[in-house]
Every structure is written in structure tokens, then in C-alpha cells.
PDB file of N, CA and C in Angstrom:
ATOM      1  N   UNK A   1      50.449 149.327 -42.292  1.00  0.00           N
ATOM      2  CA  UNK A   1      49.479 149.520 -43.348  1.00  0.00           C
ATOM      3  C   UNK A   1      50.111 149.056 -44.655  1.00  0.00           C
ATOM      4  N   UNK A   2      49.516 148.051 -45.277  1.00  0.00           N
ATOM      5  CA  UNK A   2      50.063 147.485 -46.504  1.00  0.00           C
ATOM      6  C   UNK A   2      49.255 147.997 -47.690  1.00  0.00           C
ATOM      7  N   UNK A   3      49.942 148.408 -48.725  1.00  0.00           N
ATOM      8  CA  UNK A   3      49.272 148.909 -49.926  1.00  0.00           C
ATOM      9  C   UNK A   3      49.223 147.780 -50.945  1.00  0.00           C
ATOM     10  N   UNK A   4      48.019 147.386 -51.333  1.00  0.00           N
ATOM     11  CA  UNK A   4      47.844 146.341 -52.332  1.00  0.00           C
ATOM     12  C   UNK A   4      47.683 147.020 -53.686  1.00  0.00           C
ATOM     13  N   UNK A   5      48.746 147.038 -54.476  1.00  0.00           N
ATOM     14  CA  UNK A   5      48.751 147.775 -55.737  1.00  0.00           C
ATOM     15  C   UNK A   5      47.771 147.214 -56.754  1.00  0.00           C
ATOM     16  N   UNK A   6      47.624 145.904 -56.801  1.00  0.00           N
ATOM     17  CA  UNK A   6      46.690 145.313 -57.766  1.00  0.00           C
ATOM     18  C   UNK A   6      45.258 145.766 -57.484  1.00  0.00           C
ATOM     19  N   UNK A   7      44.883 145.761 -56.230  1.00  0.00           N
ATOM     20  CA  UNK A   7      43.538 146.188 -55.857  1.00  0.00           C
ATOM     21  C   UNK A   7      43.339 147.666 -56.189  1.00  0.00           C
ATOM     22  N   UNK A   8      44.356 148.468 -55.893  1.00  0.00           N
ATOM     23  CA  UNK A   8      44.263 149.901 -56.165  1.00  0.00           C
ATOM     24  C   UNK A   8      44.188 150.185 -57.664  1.00  0.00           C
ATOM     25  N   UNK A   9      44.926 149.439 -58.468  1.00  0.00           N
ATOM     26  CA  UNK A   9      44.849 149.631 -59.919  1.00  0.00           C
ATOM     27  C   UNK A   9      43.461 149.275 -60.437  1.00  0.00           C
ATOM     28  N   UNK A  10      42.868 148.220 -59.900  1.00  0.00           N
ATOM     29  CA  UNK A  10      41.524 147.833 -60.317  1.00  0.00           C
ATOM     30  C   UNK A  10      40.516 148.907 -59.928  1.00  0.00           C
ATOM     31  N   UNK A  11      40.670 149.496 -58.772  1.00  0.00           N
ATOM     32  CA  UNK A  11      39.770 150.567 -58.335  1.00  0.00           C
ATOM     33  C   UNK A  11      39.894 151.793 -59.239  1.00  0.00           C
ATOM     34  N   UNK A  12      41.106 152.122 -59.624  1.00  0.00           N
ATOM     35  CA  UNK A  12      41.340 153.307 -60.457  1.00  0.00           C
ATOM     36  C   UNK A  12      40.535 153.246 -61.747  1.00  0.00           C
ATOM     37  N   UNK A  13      40.442 152.072 -62.328  1.00  0.00           N
ATOM     38  CA  UNK A  13      39.732 151.925 -63.595  1.00  0.00           C
ATOM     39  C   UNK A  13      38.250 152.246 -63.431  1.00  0.00           C
ATOM     40  N   UNK A  14      37.718 152.045 -62.236  1.00  0.00           N
ATOM     41  CA  UNK A  14      36.297 152.277 -62.005  1.00  0.00           C
ATOM     42  C   UNK A  14      36.007 153.704 -61.538  1.00  0.00           C
ATOM     43  N   UNK A  15      37.012 154.464 -61.157  1.00  0.00           N
ATOM     44  CA  UNK A  15      36.796 155.795 -60.599  1.00  0.00           C
ATOM     45  C   UNK A  15      36.852 156.864 -61.676  1.00  0.00           C
ATOM     46  N   UNK A  16      36.098 157.913 -61.453  1.00  0.00           N
ATOM     47  CA  UNK A  16      36.211 159.058 -62.350  1.00  0.00           C
ATOM     48  C   UNK A  16      37.480 159.821 -61.984  1.00  0.00           C
ATOM     49  N   UNK A  17      37.934 160.767 -62.814  1.00  0.00           N
ATOM     50  CA  UNK A  17      39.188 161.482 -62.548  1.00  0.00           C
ATOM     51  C   UNK A  17      39.235 162.137 -61.173  1.00  0.00           C
ATOM     52  N   UNK A  18      38.128 162.726 -60.735  1.00  0.00           N
ATOM     53  CA  UNK A  18      38.137 163.343 -59.405  1.00  0.00           C
ATOM     54  C   UNK A  18      38.281 162.287 -58.322  1.00  0.00           C
ATOM     55  N   UNK A  19      37.657 161.149 -58.537  1.00  0.00           N
ATOM     56  CA  UNK A  19      37.776 160.051 -57.576  1.00  0.00           C
ATOM     57  C   UNK A  19      39.196 159.511 -57.522  1.00  0.00           C
ATOM     58  N   UNK A  20      39.835 159.460 -58.694  1.00  0.00           N
ATOM     59  CA  UNK A  20      41.229 158.997 -58.735  1.00  0.00           C
ATOM     60  C   UNK A  20      42.132 159.934 -57.948  1.00  0.00           C
ATOM     61  N   UNK A  21      41.901 161.225 -58.120  1.00  0.00           N
ATOM     62  CA  UNK A  21      42.726 162.206 -57.408  1.00  0.00           C
ATOM     63  C   UNK A  21      42.512 162.073 -55.907  1.00  0.00           C
ATOM     64  N   UNK A  22      41.268 161.938 -55.500  1.00  0.00           N
ATOM     65  CA  UNK A  22      40.980 161.779 -54.068  1.00  0.00           C
ATOM     66  C   UNK A  22      41.600 160.491 -53.537  1.00  0.00           C
ATOM     67  N   UNK A  23      41.498 159.442 -54.338  1.00  0.00           N
ATOM     68  CA  UNK A  23      42.079 158.155 -53.931  1.00  0.00           C
ATOM     69  C   UNK A  23      43.597 158.271 -53.784  1.00  0.00           C
ATOM     70  N   UNK A  24      44.228 158.892 -54.764  1.00  0.00           N
ATOM     71  CA  UNK A  24      45.689 159.059 -54.708  1.00  0.00           C
ATOM     72  C   UNK A  24      46.085 159.946 -53.527  1.00  0.00           C
ATOM     73  N   UNK A  25      45.281 160.975 -53.253  1.00  0.00           N
ATOM     74  CA  UNK A  25      45.565 161.838 -52.106  1.00  0.00           C
ATOM     75  C   UNK A  25      45.465 161.037 -50.812  1.00  0.00           C
ATOM     76  N   UNK A  26      44.466 160.179 -50.732  1.00  0.00           N
ATOM     77  CA  UNK A  26      44.322 159.326 -49.543  1.00  0.00           C
ATOM     78  C   UNK A  26      45.489 158.368 -49.390  1.00  0.00           C
ATOM     79  N   UNK A  27      45.905 157.775 -50.500  1.00  0.00           N
ATOM     80  CA  UNK A  27      47.057 156.866 -50.455  1.00  0.00           C
ATOM     81  C   UNK A  27      48.323 157.614 -50.061  1.00  0.00           C
ATOM     82  N   UNK A  28      48.482 158.814 -50.618  1.00  0.00           N
ATOM     83  CA  UNK A  28      49.660 159.621 -50.295  1.00  0.00           C
ATOM     84  C   UNK A  28      49.684 159.958 -48.813  1.00  0.00           C
ATOM     85  N   UNK A  29      48.536 160.344 -48.279  1.00  0.00           N
ATOM     86  CA  UNK A  29      48.472 160.675 -46.858  1.00  0.00           C
ATOM     87  C   UNK A  29      48.787 159.448 -45.999  1.00  0.00           C
ATOM     88  N   UNK A  30      48.240 158.302 -46.368  1.00  0.00           N
ATOM     89  CA  UNK A  30      48.504 157.073 -45.612  1.00  0.00           C
ATOM     90  C   UNK A  30      49.989 156.729 -45.644  1.00  0.00           C
ATOM     91  N   UNK A  31      50.606 156.878 -46.802  1.00  0.00           N
ATOM     92  CA  UNK A  31      52.037 156.587 -46.915  1.00  0.00           C
ATOM     93  C   UNK A  31      52.871 157.579 -46.113  1.00  0.00           C
ATOM     94  N   UNK A  32      52.473 158.852 -46.126  1.00  0.00           N
ATOM     95  CA  UNK A  32      53.198 159.853 -45.341  1.00  0.00           C
ATOM     96  C   UNK A  32      53.088 159.560 -43.848  1.00  0.00           C
ATOM     97  N   UNK A  33      51.900 159.127 -43.404  1.00  0.00           N
ATOM     98  CA  UNK A  33      51.722 158.761 -42.000  1.00  0.00           C
ATOM     99  C   UNK A  33      52.595 157.567 -41.639  1.00  0.00           C
ATOM    100  N   UNK A  34      52.645 156.596 -42.525  1.00  0.00           N
ATOM    101  CA  UNK A  34      53.460 155.412 -42.270  1.00  0.00           C
ATOM    102  C   UNK A  34      54.939 155.782 -42.214  1.00  0.00           C
ATOM    103  N   UNK A  35      55.386 156.643 -43.106  1.00  0.00           N
ATOM    104  CA  UNK A  35      56.786 157.083 -43.104  1.00  0.00           C
ATOM    105  C   UNK A  35      57.095 157.835 -41.817  1.00  0.00           C
ATOM    106  N   UNK A  36      56.180 158.701 -41.379  1.00  0.00           N
ATOM    107  CA  UNK A  36      56.392 159.449 -40.133  1.00  0.00           C
ATOM    108  C   UNK A  36      56.486 158.497 -38.945  1.00  0.00           C
ATOM    109  N   UNK A  37      55.604 157.497 -38.903  1.00  0.00           N
ATOM    110  CA  UNK A  37      55.638 156.512 -37.819  1.00  0.00           C
ATOM    111  C   UNK A  37      56.954 155.737 -37.839  1.00  0.00           C
ATOM    112  N   UNK A  38      57.360 155.274 -39.003  1.00  0.00           N
ATOM    113  CA  UNK A  38      58.603 154.510 -39.111  1.00  0.00           C
ATOM    114  C   UNK A  38      59.817 155.365 -38.768  1.00  0.00           C
ATOM    115  N   UNK A  39      59.803 156.632 -39.172  1.00  0.00           N
ATOM    116  CA  UNK A  39      60.905 157.538 -38.849  1.00  0.00           C
ATOM    117  C   UNK A  39      61.012 157.717 -37.344  1.00  0.00           C
ATOM    118  N   UNK A  40      59.868 157.940 -36.685  1.00  0.00           N
ATOM    119  CA  UNK A  40      59.875 158.096 -35.228  1.00  0.00           C
ATOM    120  C   UNK A  40      60.378 156.820 -34.547  1.00  0.00           C
ATOM    121  N   UNK A  41      59.939 155.667 -35.036  1.00  0.00           N
ATOM    122  CA  UNK A  41      60.371 154.395 -34.462  1.00  0.00           C
ATOM    123  C   UNK A  41      61.877 154.210 -34.614  1.00  0.00           C
ATOM    124  N   UNK A  42      62.414 154.527 -35.778  1.00  0.00           N
ATOM    125  CA  UNK A  42      63.858 154.405 -36.009  1.00  0.00           C
ATOM    126  C   UNK A  42      64.624 155.332 -35.067  1.00  0.00           C
ATOM    127  N   UNK A  43      64.143 156.554 -34.884  1.00  0.00           N
ATOM    128  CA  UNK A  43      64.813 157.491 -33.979  1.00  0.00           C
ATOM    129  C   UNK A  43      64.784 156.985 -32.541  1.00  0.00           C
ATOM    130  N   UNK A  44      63.641 156.440 -32.107  1.00  0.00           N
ATOM    131  CA  UNK A  44      63.543 155.895 -30.754  1.00  0.00           C
ATOM    132  C   UNK A  44      64.487 154.710 -30.577  1.00  0.00           C
ATOM    133  N   UNK A  45      64.524 153.832 -31.563  1.00  0.00           N
ATOM    134  CA  UNK A  45      65.419 152.676 -31.479  1.00  0.00           C
ATOM    135  C   UNK A  45      66.881 153.108 -31.493  1.00  0.00           C
ATOM    136  N   UNK A  46      67.191 154.142 -32.239  1.00  0.00           N
ATOM    137  CA  UNK A  46      68.556 154.662 -32.266  1.00  0.00           C
ATOM    138  C   UNK A  46      68.957 155.169 -30.886  1.00  0.00           C
ATOM    139  N   UNK A  47      68.037 155.862 -30.209  1.00  0.00           N
ATOM    140  CA  UNK A  47      68.314 156.337 -28.852  1.00  0.00           C
ATOM    141  C   UNK A  47      68.540 155.167 -27.897  1.00  0.00           C
ATOM    142  N   UNK A  48      67.733 154.120 -28.034  1.00  0.00           N
ATOM    143  CA  UNK A  48      67.884 152.942 -27.177  1.00  0.00           C
ATOM    144  C   UNK A  48      69.242 152.293 -27.414  1.00  0.00           C
ATOM    145  N   UNK A  49      69.626 152.149 -28.673  1.00  0.00           N
ATOM    146  CA  UNK A  49      70.917 151.531 -29.002  1.00  0.00           C
ATOM    147  C   UNK A  49      72.068 152.373 -28.454  1.00  0.00           C
ATOM    148  N   UNK A  50      71.966 153.692 -28.565  1.00  0.00           N
ATOM    149  CA  UNK A  50      73.024 154.569 -28.044  1.00  0.00           C
ATOM    150  C   UNK A  50      73.141 154.426 -26.532  1.00  0.00           C
ATOM    151  N   UNK A  51      72.014 154.352 -25.832  1.00  0.00           N
ATOM    152  CA  UNK A  51      72.026 154.174 -24.379  1.00  0.00           C
ATOM    153  C   UNK A  51      72.637 152.826 -24.013  1.00  0.00           C
ATOM    154  N   UNK A  52      72.248 151.786 -24.718  1.00  0.00           N
ATOM    155  CA  UNK A  52      72.787 150.454 -24.444  1.00  0.00           C
ATOM    156  C   UNK A  52      74.283 150.394 -24.742  1.00  0.00           C
ATOM    157  N   UNK A  53      74.727 151.079 -25.781  1.00  0.00           N
ATOM    158  CA  UNK A  53      76.149 151.105 -26.112  1.00  0.00           C
ATOM    159  C   UNK A  53      76.946 151.759 -24.991  1.00  0.00           C
ATOM    160  N   UNK A  54      76.444 152.873 -24.465  1.00  0.00           N
ATOM    161  CA  UNK A  54      77.135 153.552 -23.369  1.00  0.00           C
ATOM    162  C   UNK A  54      77.184 152.655 -22.135  1.00  0.00           C
ATOM    163  N   UNK A  55      76.084 151.984 -21.824  1.00  0.00           N
ATOM    164  CA  UNK A  55      76.040 151.093 -20.661  1.00  0.00           C
ATOM    165  C   UNK A  55      76.975 149.901 -20.863  1.00  0.00           C
ATOM    166  N   UNK A  56      77.007 149.363 -22.056  1.00  0.00           N
ATOM    167  CA  UNK A  56      77.897 148.239 -22.349  1.00  0.00           C
ATOM    168  C   UNK A  56      79.359 148.641 -22.191  1.00  0.00           C
ATOM    169  N   UNK A  57      79.706 149.822 -22.665  1.00  0.00           N
ATOM    170  CA  UNK A  57      81.084 150.307 -22.511  1.00  0.00           C
ATOM    171  C   UNK A  57      81.437 150.480 -21.034  1.00  0.00           C
ATOM    172  N   UNK A  58      80.487 151.027 -20.254  1.00  0.00           N
ATOM    173  CA  UNK A  58      80.725 151.223 -18.822  1.00  0.00           C
ATOM    174  C   UNK A  58      80.926 149.879 -18.122  1.00  0.00           C
ATOM    175  N   UNK A  59      80.055 148.928 -18.411  1.00  0.00           N
ATOM    176  CA  UNK A  59      80.154 147.615 -17.778  1.00  0.00           C
ATOM    177  C   UNK A  59      81.409 146.863 -18.227  1.00  0.00           C
ATOM    178  N   UNK A  60      81.786 147.009 -19.482  1.00  0.00           N
ATOM    179  CA  UNK A  60      83.017 146.382 -19.966  1.00  0.00           C
ATOM    180  C   UNK A  60      84.220 146.938 -19.222  1.00  0.00           C
ATOM    181  N   UNK A  61      84.225 148.239 -18.970  1.00  0.00           N
ATOM    182  CA  UNK A  61      85.308 148.850 -18.197  1.00  0.00           C
ATOM    183  C   UNK A  61      85.382 148.291 -16.791  1.00  0.00           C
ATOM    184  N   UNK A  62      84.222 148.096 -16.160  1.00  0.00           N
ATOM    185  CA  UNK A  62      84.191 147.529 -14.806  1.00  0.00           C
ATOM    186  C   UNK A  62      84.713 146.102 -14.816  1.00  0.00           C
ATOM    187  N   UNK A  63      84.279 145.307 -15.778  1.00  0.00           N
ATOM    188  CA  UNK A  63      84.745 143.916 -15.870  1.00  0.00           C
ATOM    189  C   UNK A  63      86.253 143.876 -16.089  1.00  0.00           C
ATOM    190  N   UNK A  64      86.764 144.730 -16.961  1.00  0.00           N
ATOM    191  CA  UNK A  64      88.211 144.782 -17.195  1.00  0.00           C
ATOM    192  C   UNK A  64      88.959 145.139 -15.917  1.00  0.00           C
ATOM    193  N   UNK A  65      88.431 146.110 -15.164  1.00  0.00           N
ATOM    194  CA  UNK A  65      89.062 146.517 -13.907  1.00  0.00           C
ATOM    195  C   UNK A  65      89.066 145.368 -12.902  1.00  0.00           C
ATOM    196  N   UNK A  66      87.949 144.678 -12.763  1.00  0.00           N
ATOM    197  CA  UNK A  66      87.871 143.556 -11.826  1.00  0.00           C
ATOM    198  C   UNK A  66      88.783 142.405 -12.252  1.00  0.00           C
ATOM    199  N   UNK A  67      88.862 142.153 -13.539  1.00  0.00           N
ATOM    200  CA  UNK A  67      89.751 141.095 -14.028  1.00  0.00           C
ATOM    201  C   UNK A  67      91.204 141.452 -13.737  1.00  0.00           C
ATOM    202  N   UNK A  68      91.561 142.717 -13.911  1.00  0.00           N
ATOM    203  CA  UNK A  68      92.931 143.150 -13.613  1.00  0.00           C
ATOM    204  C   UNK A  68      93.225 143.009 -12.123  1.00  0.00           C
ATOM    205  N   UNK A  69      92.272 143.373 -11.279  1.00  0.00           N
ATOM    206  CA  UNK A  69      92.463 143.212  -9.827  1.00  0.00           C
ATOM    207  C   UNK A  69      92.673 141.746  -9.466  1.00  0.00           C
ATOM    208  N   UNK A  70      91.899 140.859 -10.071  1.00  0.00           N
ATOM    209  CA  UNK A  70      92.044 139.429  -9.797  1.00  0.00           C
ATOM    210  C   UNK A  70      93.416 138.936 -10.244  1.00  0.00           C
ATOM    211  N   UNK A  71      93.886 139.393 -11.405  1.00  0.00           N
ATOM    212  CA  UNK A  71      95.220 138.990 -11.871  1.00  0.00           C
ATOM    213  C   UNK A  71      96.305 139.522 -10.937  1.00  0.00           C
ATOM    214  N   UNK A  72      96.144 140.756 -10.473  1.00  0.00           N
ATOM    215  CA  UNK A  72      97.126 141.337  -9.554  1.00  0.00           C
ATOM    216  C   UNK A  72      97.173 140.569  -8.239  1.00  0.00           C
ATOM    217  N   UNK A  73      96.021 140.202  -7.691  1.00  0.00           N
ATOM    218  CA  UNK A  73      95.991 139.431  -6.436  1.00  0.00           C
ATOM    219  C   UNK A  73      96.654 138.073  -6.616  1.00  0.00           C
ATOM    220  N   UNK A  74      96.376 137.452  -7.738  1.00  0.00           N
ATOM    221  CA  UNK A  74      96.966 136.139  -7.993  1.00  0.00           C
ATOM    222  C   UNK A  74      98.480 136.254  -8.134  1.00  0.00           C
ATOM    223  N   UNK A  75      98.940 137.311  -8.777  1.00  0.00           N
ATOM    224  CA  UNK A  75     100.379 137.514  -8.951  1.00  0.00           C
ATOM    225  C   UNK A  75     101.058 137.816  -7.621  1.00  0.00           C
ATOM    226  N   UNK A  76     100.341 138.455  -6.694  1.00  0.00           N
ATOM    227  CA  UNK A  76     100.897 138.769  -5.377  1.00  0.00           C
ATOM    228  C   UNK A  76     100.870 137.571  -4.442  1.00  0.00           C
ATOM    229  N   UNK A  77     100.314 136.469  -4.866  1.00  0.00           N
ATOM    230  CA  UNK A  77     100.280 135.275  -4.039  1.00  0.00           C
ATOM    231  C   UNK A  77      99.055 135.214  -3.148  1.00  0.00           C
ATOM    232  N   UNK A  78      98.148 136.110  -3.294  1.00  0.00           N
ATOM    233  CA  UNK A  78      96.948 136.120  -2.471  1.00  0.00           C
ATOM    234  C   UNK A  78      95.860 135.214  -2.996  1.00  0.00           C
ATOM    235  N   UNK A  79      96.129 134.496  -4.043  1.00  0.00           N
ATOM    236  CA  UNK A  79      95.094 133.661  -4.638  1.00  0.00           C
ATOM    237  C   UNK A  79      95.223 132.205  -4.259  1.00  0.00           C
ATOM    238  N   UNK A  80      95.920 131.899  -3.155  1.00  0.00           N
ATOM    239  CA  UNK A  80      96.127 130.516  -2.750  1.00  0.00           C
ATOM    240  C   UNK A  80      94.839 129.836  -2.337  1.00  0.00           C
ATOM    241  N   UNK A  81      94.852 128.519  -2.405  1.00  0.00           N
ATOM    242  CA  UNK A  81      93.689 127.729  -2.031  1.00  0.00           C
ATOM    243  C   UNK A  81      93.935 127.144  -0.652  1.00  0.00           C
ATOM    244  N   UNK A  82      92.935 127.231   0.227  1.00  0.00           N
ATOM    245  CA  UNK A  82      93.044 126.669   1.573  1.00  0.00           C
ATOM    246  C   UNK A  82      92.639 125.207   1.491  1.00  0.00           C
ATOM    247  N   UNK A  83      93.515 124.330   1.963  1.00  0.00           N
ATOM    248  CA  UNK A  83      93.259 122.899   1.897  1.00  0.00           C
ATOM    249  C   UNK A  83      92.946 122.353   3.286  1.00  0.00           C
ATOM    250  N   UNK A  84      91.962 121.496   3.364  1.00  0.00           N
ATOM    251  CA  UNK A  84      91.655 120.792   4.600  1.00  0.00           C
ATOM    252  C   UNK A  84      91.391 121.708   5.779  1.00  0.00           C
ATOM    253  N   UNK A  85      92.161 121.445   6.885  1.00  0.00           N
ATOM    254  CA  UNK A  85      91.958 122.182   8.129  1.00  0.00           C
ATOM    255  C   UNK A  85      92.919 123.342   8.288  1.00  0.00           C
ATOM    256  N   UNK A  86      93.589 123.732   7.239  1.00  0.00           N
ATOM    257  CA  UNK A  86      94.523 124.855   7.353  1.00  0.00           C
ATOM    258  C   UNK A  86      93.765 126.125   7.690  1.00  0.00           C
ATOM    259  N   UNK A  87      94.407 126.929   8.532  1.00  0.00           N
ATOM    260  CA  UNK A  87      93.801 128.203   8.881  1.00  0.00           C
ATOM    261  C   UNK A  87      94.062 129.199   7.752  1.00  0.00           C
ATOM    262  N   UNK A  88      93.090 130.058   7.489  1.00  0.00           N
ATOM    263  CA  UNK A  88      93.310 131.092   6.478  1.00  0.00           C
ATOM    264  C   UNK A  88      94.424 132.031   6.920  1.00  0.00           C
ATOM    265  N   UNK A  89      95.061 132.741   6.016  1.00  0.00           N
ATOM    266  CA  UNK A  89      96.215 133.574   6.345  1.00  0.00           C
ATOM    267  C   UNK A  89      95.913 134.714   7.316  1.00  0.00           C
ATOM    268  N   UNK A  90      94.679 135.111   7.508  1.00  0.00           N
ATOM    269  CA  UNK A  90      94.399 136.228   8.405  1.00  0.00           C
ATOM    270  C   UNK A  90      94.336 135.823   9.873  1.00  0.00           C
ATOM    271  N   UNK A  91      94.503 134.525  10.241  1.00  0.00           N
ATOM    272  CA  UNK A  91      94.507 134.096  11.640  1.00  0.00           C
ATOM    273  C   UNK A  91      95.849 134.309  12.259  1.00  0.00           C
TER     274      UNK A  91
END
């Protein structure tokens, strides 16, 4: 909901004092509703970001563990490449 201040100022000049008060009350209510909606949206997005952060940390830990296992296997000599017709080491 966008508030067009120029239009509202022009309306104010045409309204009687009671109309101005009612108009301002309506604008205030609309702004309060918009703030409540935006606040709820920010809270929901914050929850989503927190969940994604936890998942990212978990997945990063798994990737680090797998990378370490791969480095350990390579260091143990288990990372050799089989060439041509050579039989794999488990035969």
C-alpha cells in the first residue's frame, strides 16, 4: 500500500476538520496494518534464514568430513588409478 502524500494533502484542503481527523485515522490504520504485515514478513524470513544457516553448517561439516576421508585414502595409497587391463587391488 503506497501513500501518495501530494494527493492526501490536496484532499485535506477540501475536508472539514472532522473529515481530516477521519482521514488521518484511516491513514494511520493503513500504515499500522502495513507495519504489522512487514514485521511478520521480516520475522518469517528471519526464521527461514536461521534454518538455512543451520542446514548450511551441517552440510559444510559433511563436506569437510568427506574431503578429509578422500585425503586420508589418497595418503594411504588407496587412490591409485587402474590402467588398461590391470586387475583392481581386491582381486
